[in-house]
N, C-alpha and C. Protein backbone atom coordinates (compact mmCIF):
# COMPACT_ATOMS: atom_id res chain seq x y z
N UNK A 1 -15.10 -58.45 28.85
CA UNK A 1 -15.16 -56.81 29.14
C UNK A 1 -13.97 -56.19 29.05
N UNK A 2 -13.93 -55.08 28.53
CA UNK A 2 -12.52 -54.42 28.19
C UNK A 2 -12.46 -53.65 29.40
N UNK A 3 -11.07 -53.51 29.26
CA UNK A 3 -10.62 -52.79 30.85
C UNK A 3 -10.40 -51.36 30.42
N UNK A 4 -10.69 -50.25 31.43
CA UNK A 4 -10.31 -48.99 31.21
C UNK A 4 -9.00 -48.59 30.38
N UNK A 5 -7.71 -49.39 30.66
CA UNK A 5 -6.65 -48.99 30.10
C UNK A 5 -6.58 -49.00 28.38
N UNK A 6 -7.30 -50.23 28.26
CA UNK A 6 -7.48 -50.68 26.77
C UNK A 6 -8.45 -49.82 26.15
N UNK A 7 -9.30 -49.26 26.85
CA UNK A 7 -10.27 -48.26 26.24
C UNK A 7 -9.30 -46.94 25.89
N UNK A 8 -8.95 -46.51 27.01
CA UNK A 8 -8.07 -45.30 26.73
C UNK A 8 -7.07 -45.27 25.58
N UNK A 9 -6.28 -46.42 25.46
CA UNK A 9 -5.60 -46.84 24.45
C UNK A 9 -6.14 -46.61 23.07
N UNK A 10 -7.02 -47.42 22.79
CA UNK A 10 -7.83 -47.24 21.52
C UNK A 10 -8.33 -45.86 21.30
N UNK A 11 -8.87 -44.96 22.24
CA UNK A 11 -9.23 -43.85 22.20
C UNK A 11 -8.47 -43.06 21.83
N UNK A 12 -7.34 -43.17 22.45
CA UNK A 12 -5.84 -42.39 22.09
C UNK A 12 -5.47 -42.40 20.69
N UNK A 13 -5.69 -43.82 20.08
CA UNK A 13 -5.02 -43.88 18.55
C UNK A 13 -6.26 -43.49 18.06
N UNK A 14 -7.47 -43.37 17.97
CA UNK A 14 -8.12 -42.79 17.32
C UNK A 14 -8.28 -41.49 17.23
N UNK A 15 -8.02 -41.01 18.35
CA UNK A 15 -7.87 -39.24 18.42
C UNK A 15 -6.58 -39.03 17.71
N UNK A 16 -5.55 -39.67 17.69
CA UNK A 16 -4.29 -39.52 17.09
C UNK A 16 -4.43 -39.27 15.45
N UNK A 17 -5.25 -40.63 15.16
CA UNK A 17 -5.51 -40.83 13.73
C UNK A 17 -6.33 -39.63 13.25
N UNK A 18 -7.43 -39.14 14.01
CA UNK A 18 -7.99 -37.92 13.52
C UNK A 18 -7.41 -36.78 13.59
N UNK A 19 -6.26 -36.65 14.57
CA UNK A 19 -5.36 -35.18 14.37
C UNK A 19 -4.69 -35.41 13.11
N UNK A 20 -4.04 -36.60 12.82
CA UNK A 20 -3.28 -36.71 11.57
C UNK A 20 -4.05 -36.45 10.40
N UNK A 21 -5.18 -37.10 10.12
CA UNK A 21 -6.32 -36.61 9.31
C UNK A 21 -6.74 -35.16 9.04
N UNK A 22 -6.99 -34.52 10.15
CA UNK A 22 -7.21 -33.22 10.38
C UNK A 22 -5.81 -32.24 9.79
N UNK A 23 -4.79 -32.75 10.10
CA UNK A 23 -3.76 -32.00 9.93
C UNK A 23 -3.56 -31.96 8.51
N UNK A 24 -3.71 -33.26 7.53
CA UNK A 24 -3.43 -33.74 6.23
C UNK A 24 -4.37 -32.93 5.58
N UNK A 25 -5.84 -32.52 6.17
CA UNK A 25 -6.80 -31.75 5.46
C UNK A 25 -6.38 -30.41 5.28
N UNK A 26 -5.57 -29.84 6.53
CA UNK A 26 -5.59 -28.85 6.46
C UNK A 26 -4.50 -28.22 5.66
N UNK A 27 -3.44 -28.93 5.42
CA UNK A 27 -2.46 -28.88 4.44
C UNK A 27 -3.02 -28.59 3.04
N UNK A 28 -4.09 -29.21 2.74
CA UNK A 28 -4.57 -29.52 1.19
C UNK A 28 -5.37 -28.24 1.38
N UNK A 29 -6.09 -27.68 2.61
CA UNK A 29 -7.02 -26.59 2.58
C UNK A 29 -5.87 -25.20 2.31
N UNK A 30 -4.82 -25.32 2.96
CA UNK A 30 -3.82 -24.15 2.98
C UNK A 30 -3.02 -24.20 1.17
N UNK A 31 -3.16 -25.39 0.66
CA UNK A 31 -2.55 -25.41 -0.64
C UNK A 31 -3.50 -24.77 -1.51
N UNK A 32 -5.00 -25.00 -1.21
CA UNK A 32 -5.92 -24.88 -2.43
C UNK A 32 -6.25 -23.15 -2.16
N UNK A 33 -6.00 -22.54 -0.96
CA UNK A 33 -6.10 -21.45 -1.17
C UNK A 33 -4.76 -20.70 -1.46
N UNK A 34 -3.80 -20.93 -1.33
CA UNK A 34 -2.29 -20.32 -1.94
C UNK A 34 -2.56 -20.44 -3.52
N UNK A 35 -3.17 -21.74 -3.93
CA UNK A 35 -3.22 -21.71 -5.55
C UNK A 35 -4.27 -20.60 -5.97
N UNK A 36 -5.56 -20.50 -5.04
CA UNK A 36 -6.63 -19.39 -5.48
C UNK A 36 -6.25 -17.97 -5.33
N UNK A 37 -5.53 -17.63 -4.19
CA UNK A 37 -4.79 -16.34 -4.09
C UNK A 37 -4.15 -15.72 -5.08
N UNK A 38 -3.10 -16.76 -5.55
CA UNK A 38 -1.88 -16.50 -6.60
C UNK A 38 -2.69 -16.16 -7.77
N UNK A 39 -3.41 -17.09 -7.97
CA UNK A 39 -4.40 -16.82 -9.41
C UNK A 39 -4.96 -15.43 -9.57
N UNK A 40 -5.73 -14.96 -8.20
CA UNK A 40 -6.47 -14.07 -8.11
C UNK A 40 -5.58 -12.89 -8.28
N UNK A 41 -4.46 -12.75 -7.55
CA UNK A 41 -3.57 -11.36 -7.67
C UNK A 41 -3.14 -11.49 -8.78
N UNK A 42 -2.62 -12.53 -9.60
CA UNK A 42 -2.15 -12.40 -10.99
C UNK A 42 -3.19 -11.89 -12.01
N UNK A 43 -4.26 -12.54 -11.99
CA UNK A 43 -5.38 -11.63 -12.79
C UNK A 43 -5.78 -10.45 -12.64
N UNK A 44 -5.38 -9.86 -11.65
CA UNK A 44 -6.23 -8.47 -11.12
C UNK A 44 -5.07 -7.38 -11.40
N UNK A 45 -4.14 -8.02 -12.46
CA UNK A 45 -3.13 -6.92 -12.78
C UNK A 45 -3.76 -6.38 -14.19
N UNK A 46 -4.89 -7.16 -14.91
CA UNK A 46 -5.39 -6.51 -16.02
C UNK A 46 -6.36 -5.70 -15.54
N UNK A 47 -6.44 -4.68 -16.96
CA UNK A 47 -7.35 -3.66 -16.83
C UNK A 47 -8.96 -4.17 -16.90
N UNK A 48 -9.97 -3.24 -16.79
CA UNK A 48 -11.41 -3.38 -17.13
C UNK A 48 -12.07 -3.07 -18.26
N UNK A 49 -12.23 -3.86 -19.20
CA UNK A 49 -12.82 -3.68 -20.29
C UNK A 49 -14.55 -4.07 -20.01
N UNK A 50 -15.44 -3.40 -20.59
CA UNK A 50 -16.77 -3.66 -20.53
C UNK A 50 -17.01 -4.60 -21.67
N UNK A 51 -18.37 -5.35 -21.71
CA UNK A 51 -18.40 -5.99 -22.75
C UNK A 51 -18.97 -5.22 -23.79
N UNK A 52 -19.77 -4.15 -23.67
CA UNK A 52 -20.25 -3.07 -24.76
C UNK A 52 -18.91 -2.50 -25.31
N UNK A 53 -17.79 -2.22 -24.72
CA UNK A 53 -16.49 -1.79 -25.31
C UNK A 53 -16.26 -2.87 -26.16
N UNK A 54 -16.09 -3.90 -25.77
CA UNK A 54 -15.58 -4.85 -26.73
C UNK A 54 -16.59 -5.27 -28.14
N UNK A 55 -17.72 -5.34 -27.63
CA UNK A 55 -18.82 -5.62 -29.10
C UNK A 55 -18.72 -4.48 -30.03
N UNK A 56 -18.52 -3.13 -29.38
CA UNK A 56 -18.61 -1.97 -30.24
C UNK A 56 -17.47 -1.73 -30.87
N UNK A 57 -16.26 -2.26 -30.44
CA UNK A 57 -14.90 -2.22 -31.11
C UNK A 57 -14.01 -1.08 -30.54
N UNK A 58 -14.51 -0.48 -29.44
CA UNK A 58 -13.94 0.62 -28.79
C UNK A 58 -12.77 0.39 -28.27
N UNK A 59 -11.55 1.18 -28.34
CA UNK A 59 -10.43 0.94 -27.93
C UNK A 59 -10.09 0.36 -26.28
N UNK A 60 -9.54 -0.67 -26.11
CA UNK A 60 -9.51 -1.45 -24.67
C UNK A 60 -8.16 -1.85 -24.96
N UNK A 61 -6.94 -1.24 -24.33
CA UNK A 61 -5.75 -1.67 -24.57
C UNK A 61 -5.58 -3.03 -23.55
N UNK A 62 -5.98 -2.88 -22.48
CA UNK A 62 -5.93 -4.03 -21.34
C UNK A 62 -6.62 -5.54 -21.89
N UNK A 63 -7.38 -5.25 -22.88
CA UNK A 63 -8.07 -6.60 -23.43
C UNK A 63 -7.20 -7.46 -23.92
N UNK A 64 -7.49 -8.77 -23.25
CA UNK A 64 -6.50 -9.86 -23.67
C UNK A 64 -7.51 -10.93 -23.74
N UNK A 65 -7.44 -11.83 -24.82
CA UNK A 65 -8.26 -13.18 -24.54
C UNK A 65 -7.92 -14.29 -23.75
N UNK A 66 -6.34 -14.18 -23.57
CA UNK A 66 -5.92 -15.34 -22.57
C UNK A 66 -5.11 -14.58 -21.68
N UNK A 67 -4.98 -15.14 -20.56
CA UNK A 67 -4.31 -14.51 -19.65
C UNK A 67 -3.23 -15.46 -18.79
N UNK A 68 -2.07 -15.70 -18.63
CA UNK A 68 -0.85 -16.40 -18.53
C UNK A 68 -0.65 -16.23 -16.77
N UNK A 69 -0.59 -17.25 -15.89
CA UNK A 69 -0.33 -16.60 -14.53
C UNK A 69 0.86 -17.85 -14.14
N UNK A 70 1.76 -17.10 -13.34
CA UNK A 70 2.61 -18.24 -12.58
C UNK A 70 2.20 -18.54 -11.33
N UNK A 71 1.99 -19.84 -11.13
CA UNK A 71 1.72 -20.58 -9.96
C UNK A 71 2.76 -21.32 -9.57
N UNK A 72 2.92 -21.94 -8.17
CA UNK A 72 3.93 -22.83 -7.56
C UNK A 72 4.24 -23.78 -8.46
N UNK A 73 3.29 -24.69 -9.31
CA UNK A 73 3.39 -25.61 -9.97
C UNK A 73 3.83 -25.29 -11.34
N UNK A 74 3.77 -24.39 -11.72
CA UNK A 74 4.04 -24.05 -13.18
C UNK A 74 3.27 -22.84 -13.55
N UNK A 75 3.10 -22.45 -15.04
CA UNK A 75 2.59 -21.46 -15.56
C UNK A 75 0.91 -21.99 -16.21
N UNK A 76 0.01 -21.37 -15.96
CA UNK A 76 -1.31 -21.42 -16.37
C UNK A 76 -1.95 -20.67 -17.12
N UNK A 77 -2.35 -20.86 -18.33
CA UNK A 77 -3.02 -19.90 -19.15
C UNK A 77 -4.61 -20.04 -19.05
N UNK A 78 -5.04 -18.71 -18.65
CA UNK A 78 -7.01 -18.84 -18.28
C UNK A 78 -7.53 -18.14 -19.86
N UNK A 79 -8.62 -18.14 -19.67
CA UNK A 79 -9.68 -17.49 -20.95
C UNK A 79 -10.08 -16.44 -19.93
N UNK A 80 -10.31 -15.53 -20.99
CA UNK A 80 -11.34 -14.22 -20.49
C UNK A 80 -12.87 -15.01 -21.01
N UNK A 81 -13.58 -14.73 -20.09
CA UNK A 81 -15.16 -15.16 -20.25
C UNK A 81 -15.89 -13.92 -20.07
N UNK A 82 -17.07 -14.05 -20.54
CA UNK A 82 -17.99 -13.15 -20.32
C UNK A 82 -19.28 -13.57 -19.12
N UNK A 83 -19.46 -12.51 -18.21
CA UNK A 83 -20.32 -12.86 -17.04
C UNK A 83 -21.88 -12.44 -17.57
N UNK A 84 -22.71 -12.81 -16.68
CA UNK A 84 -24.24 -12.78 -17.29
C UNK A 84 -24.51 -11.11 -17.05
N UNK A 85 -23.96 -10.38 -16.39
CA UNK A 85 -24.24 -9.07 -16.21
C UNK A 85 -23.46 -8.32 -17.41
N UNK A 86 -22.77 -9.03 -18.42
CA UNK A 86 -22.17 -8.00 -19.37
C UNK A 86 -20.39 -7.72 -19.15
N UNK A 87 -20.07 -7.99 -17.86
CA UNK A 87 -18.76 -7.76 -17.48
C UNK A 87 -18.00 -8.89 -17.95
N UNK A 88 -16.66 -9.25 -17.94
CA UNK A 88 -15.83 -9.94 -18.12
C UNK A 88 -15.00 -10.58 -17.06
N UNK A 89 -14.44 -11.76 -16.99
CA UNK A 89 -13.55 -12.05 -16.10
C UNK A 89 -12.76 -13.17 -16.70
N UNK A 90 -11.55 -13.64 -15.93
CA UNK A 90 -10.45 -14.75 -16.29
C UNK A 90 -11.12 -15.87 -15.46
N UNK A 91 -11.04 -16.97 -16.33
CA UNK A 91 -11.13 -18.17 -15.66
C UNK A 91 -10.15 -19.32 -15.89
N UNK A 92 -9.66 -19.88 -14.69
CA UNK A 92 -8.69 -20.86 -14.89
C UNK A 92 -9.30 -22.10 -14.00
N UNK A 93 -9.37 -22.99 -15.03
CA UNK A 93 -9.71 -24.21 -14.84
C UNK A 93 -8.89 -25.25 -14.99
N UNK A 94 -9.24 -26.28 -14.14
CA UNK A 94 -8.41 -27.71 -14.32
C UNK A 94 -6.94 -27.37 -13.47
N UNK A 95 -6.95 -26.67 -12.41
CA UNK A 95 -5.93 -26.70 -11.81
C UNK A 95 -5.80 -27.83 -10.72
N UNK A 96 -4.72 -28.78 -10.85
CA UNK A 96 -4.74 -29.72 -9.84
C UNK A 96 -4.23 -29.39 -8.29
N UNK A 97 -4.71 -29.64 -7.46
CA UNK A 97 -4.17 -29.53 -6.16
C UNK A 97 -3.80 -30.56 -5.12
N UNK A 98 -4.00 -31.91 -5.73
CA UNK A 98 -3.36 -33.00 -5.01
C UNK A 98 -3.20 -34.19 -6.17
N UNK A 99 -2.42 -34.94 -6.05
CA UNK A 99 -2.31 -36.15 -6.71
C UNK A 99 -3.28 -36.93 -6.62
N UNK A 100 -3.61 -37.82 -7.86
CA UNK A 100 -4.62 -38.52 -8.27
C UNK A 100 -4.83 -39.63 -7.02
N UNK A 101 -5.89 -39.84 -6.19
CA UNK A 101 -5.95 -41.08 -5.36
C UNK A 101 -6.12 -42.33 -5.92
N UNK A 102 -4.84 -42.81 -6.82
CA UNK A 102 -5.04 -44.20 -7.46
C UNK A 102 -3.71 -44.76 -7.05
N UNK A 103 -3.62 -46.03 -7.16
CA UNK A 103 -2.81 -46.86 -6.67
C UNK A 103 -2.03 -47.02 -5.31
N UNK A 104 -0.73 -46.67 -4.96
CA UNK A 104 -0.60 -46.70 -3.66
C UNK A 104 -1.19 -45.42 -2.82
N UNK A 105 -1.80 -44.51 -3.42
CA UNK A 105 -2.00 -43.12 -2.77
C UNK A 105 -3.86 -43.50 -2.44
N UNK A 106 -4.15 -44.70 -3.05
CA UNK A 106 -5.65 -44.98 -2.82
C UNK A 106 -5.83 -45.04 -1.10
N UNK A 107 -7.17 -44.15 -0.85
CA UNK A 107 -7.47 -44.13 0.63
C UNK A 107 -6.23 -43.79 1.52
N UNK A 108 -5.42 -42.87 1.11
CA UNK A 108 -4.23 -42.44 1.78
C UNK A 108 -4.52 -41.02 2.20
N UNK A 109 -3.95 -40.09 2.88
CA UNK A 109 -3.83 -38.67 3.07
C UNK A 109 -3.63 -38.04 1.66
N UNK A 110 -4.22 -36.94 1.30
CA UNK A 110 -3.75 -36.23 0.05
C UNK A 110 -2.46 -35.92 -0.07
N UNK A 111 -1.86 -36.13 -1.28
CA UNK A 111 -0.43 -35.46 -1.62
C UNK A 111 -0.37 -34.21 -2.13
N UNK A 112 0.40 -33.19 -2.13
CA UNK A 112 0.19 -32.02 -3.06
C UNK A 112 0.55 -32.60 -4.41
N UNK A 113 -0.08 -31.83 -5.09
CA UNK A 113 0.10 -32.09 -6.84
C UNK A 113 1.45 -31.10 -7.12
N UNK A 114 1.89 -32.41 -8.13
CA UNK A 114 3.50 -31.71 -8.65
C UNK A 114 3.46 -30.93 -9.48
N UNK A 115 4.39 -30.16 -9.95
CA UNK A 115 4.95 -29.32 -10.89
C UNK A 115 4.52 -29.69 -12.09
N UNK A 116 4.47 -29.14 -13.27
CA UNK A 116 4.28 -29.47 -14.54
C UNK A 116 5.04 -28.55 -15.38
N UNK A 117 5.52 -29.08 -16.73
CA UNK A 117 6.46 -28.28 -17.52
C UNK A 117 5.62 -27.63 -18.56
N UNK A 118 5.95 -26.52 -19.08
CA UNK A 118 5.49 -25.70 -19.94
C UNK A 118 4.34 -24.92 -19.59
N UNK A 119 3.08 -24.76 -20.40
CA UNK A 119 2.12 -23.93 -19.75
C UNK A 119 1.20 -24.85 -19.97
N UNK A 120 0.07 -24.91 -18.75
CA UNK A 120 -0.96 -25.65 -18.60
C UNK A 120 -2.30 -24.91 -19.29
N UNK A 121 -3.14 -25.49 -19.97
CA UNK A 121 -4.22 -24.80 -20.37
C UNK A 121 -5.37 -24.67 -19.23
N UNK A 122 -5.38 -23.65 -19.03
CA UNK A 122 -6.52 -23.48 -17.90
C UNK A 122 -7.82 -23.45 -18.28
N UNK A 123 -8.13 -23.57 -20.01
CA UNK A 123 -9.65 -23.53 -20.20
C UNK A 123 -10.37 -24.70 -20.80
N UNK A 124 -9.52 -25.81 -20.42
CA UNK A 124 -10.14 -27.10 -20.48
C UNK A 124 -11.10 -27.29 -19.50
N UNK A 125 -12.36 -28.20 -19.71
CA UNK A 125 -13.14 -28.41 -18.77
C UNK A 125 -12.70 -29.39 -17.53
N UNK A 126 -12.79 -29.55 -16.34
CA UNK A 126 -12.60 -30.27 -15.28
C UNK A 126 -13.02 -31.55 -15.62
N UNK A 127 -12.32 -32.68 -15.09
CA UNK A 127 -12.57 -34.11 -15.31
C UNK A 127 -13.85 -34.23 -14.33
N UNK A 128 -14.89 -35.13 -14.47
CA UNK A 128 -15.72 -35.31 -13.80
C UNK A 128 -15.14 -36.64 -12.81
N UNK A 129 -15.66 -36.50 -11.54
CA UNK A 129 -15.28 -37.39 -10.54
C UNK A 129 -15.83 -38.68 -10.69
N UNK A 130 -15.62 -39.67 -10.25
CA UNK A 130 -16.42 -41.12 -10.63
C UNK A 130 -17.93 -40.68 -9.97
N UNK A 131 -18.61 -41.44 -10.58
CA UNK A 131 -20.39 -41.12 -9.89
C UNK A 131 -21.02 -42.50 -10.65
N UNK A 132 -22.33 -42.62 -10.27
CA UNK A 132 -23.29 -43.45 -11.12
C UNK A 132 -23.74 -42.79 -12.04
N UNK A 133 -23.89 -43.62 -13.29
CA UNK A 133 -24.56 -42.92 -14.41
C UNK A 133 -26.17 -42.81 -13.95
N UNK A 134 -26.74 -41.69 -14.60
CA UNK A 134 -28.19 -41.24 -14.65
C UNK A 134 -29.08 -42.68 -14.83
N UNK A 135 -28.74 -43.45 -16.11
CA UNK A 135 -29.46 -44.49 -16.62
C UNK A 135 -29.92 -45.59 -15.35
N UNK A 136 -29.11 -45.57 -14.41
CA UNK A 136 -29.22 -46.44 -13.08
C UNK A 136 -30.61 -46.15 -12.28
N UNK A 137 -30.70 -45.10 -12.23
CA UNK A 137 -31.87 -44.45 -11.47
C UNK A 137 -33.30 -44.46 -12.47
N UNK A 138 -32.89 -44.98 -13.51
CA UNK A 138 -34.51 -44.99 -14.58
C UNK A 138 -34.70 -46.65 -14.85
N UNK A 139 -34.01 -47.23 -13.93
CA UNK A 139 -34.12 -48.82 -14.32
C UNK A 139 -33.21 -49.57 -15.20
N UNK A 140 -32.20 -48.61 -15.80
CA UNK A 140 -30.88 -49.04 -16.68
C UNK A 140 -30.04 -49.69 -16.14
N UNK A 141 -28.94 -49.94 -16.70
CA UNK A 141 -28.02 -50.33 -16.60
C UNK A 141 -27.04 -49.75 -15.43
N UNK A 142 -26.41 -50.35 -14.52
CA UNK A 142 -25.55 -49.74 -13.47
C UNK A 142 -24.10 -49.39 -14.40
N UNK A 143 -23.72 -47.80 -14.15
CA UNK A 143 -22.43 -47.66 -15.07
C UNK A 143 -21.70 -46.32 -14.14
N UNK A 144 -20.75 -46.82 -14.06
CA UNK A 144 -19.73 -45.45 -13.16
C UNK A 144 -19.26 -44.74 -14.49
N UNK A 145 -19.37 -43.30 -14.24
CA UNK A 145 -18.85 -42.29 -15.25
C UNK A 145 -17.59 -41.51 -14.49
N UNK A 146 -16.92 -40.88 -15.25
CA UNK A 146 -15.92 -40.22 -14.64
C UNK A 146 -14.59 -40.83 -14.58
N UNK A 147 -13.66 -39.93 -13.83
CA UNK A 147 -12.20 -40.61 -13.58
C UNK A 147 -11.61 -40.30 -12.31
N UNK A 148 -10.89 -40.95 -11.52
CA UNK A 148 -10.30 -40.84 -10.44
C UNK A 148 -9.41 -39.81 -10.23
N UNK A 149 -8.90 -39.32 -11.33
CA UNK A 149 -7.77 -38.08 -11.55
C UNK A 149 -8.86 -36.82 -11.54
N UNK A 150 -9.49 -36.63 -10.55
CA UNK A 150 -10.48 -35.26 -10.55
C UNK A 150 -10.27 -34.43 -9.63
N UNK A 151 -8.99 -34.29 -8.57
CA UNK A 151 -9.01 -33.33 -7.73
C UNK A 151 -8.19 -31.86 -8.40
N UNK A 152 -9.13 -31.55 -8.93
CA UNK A 152 -8.91 -29.94 -9.75
C UNK A 152 -9.76 -28.82 -9.18
N UNK A 153 -9.40 -27.79 -9.52
CA UNK A 153 -9.77 -26.59 -9.01
C UNK A 153 -10.36 -25.96 -10.25
N UNK A 154 -11.40 -24.83 -10.02
CA UNK A 154 -11.53 -23.96 -11.06
C UNK A 154 -11.52 -22.55 -10.41
N UNK A 155 -10.82 -21.42 -10.85
CA UNK A 155 -10.70 -20.54 -10.05
C UNK A 155 -11.22 -19.18 -10.89
N UNK A 156 -12.28 -18.58 -10.93
CA UNK A 156 -12.83 -17.43 -11.60
C UNK A 156 -12.17 -16.03 -10.82
N UNK A 157 -11.82 -15.09 -11.69
CA UNK A 157 -11.29 -14.01 -11.02
C UNK A 157 -12.15 -12.90 -11.28
N UNK A 158 -12.47 -12.02 -10.62
CA UNK A 158 -13.30 -10.65 -10.65
C UNK A 158 -12.71 -9.91 -11.58
């Protein structure tokens, strides 16, 4: 039978561990929000061209196919995309928000992503996180698709 003192000690360790994990999660959340707000603020500097203006060839001085934004980690170039309603927005994809959880970082608290040199291409698709292939669910071979370096954001701007 366990004593009350030992139970309290284990309970405190568990609470302390949960608190550390919660604090780590909050750091990552703050980093995510910072990246998102930085991209959003920088991208709102452009004017507003409608899809009909662009298609008809009307003058729209603010129209840019690509937009470069300065983040804490470096420069990223996003692409101008068309929305379903006919308007346009800038999309910034593939923004890393934490170091890949590989090697010594596996099963550890997330670490902030490092800086990059030059201009990062923000129009590339994001990597897919590891998951089982669909063939497994249809009686086929069990495969794992994706890569572990998948901690990236996609930020659309209005």
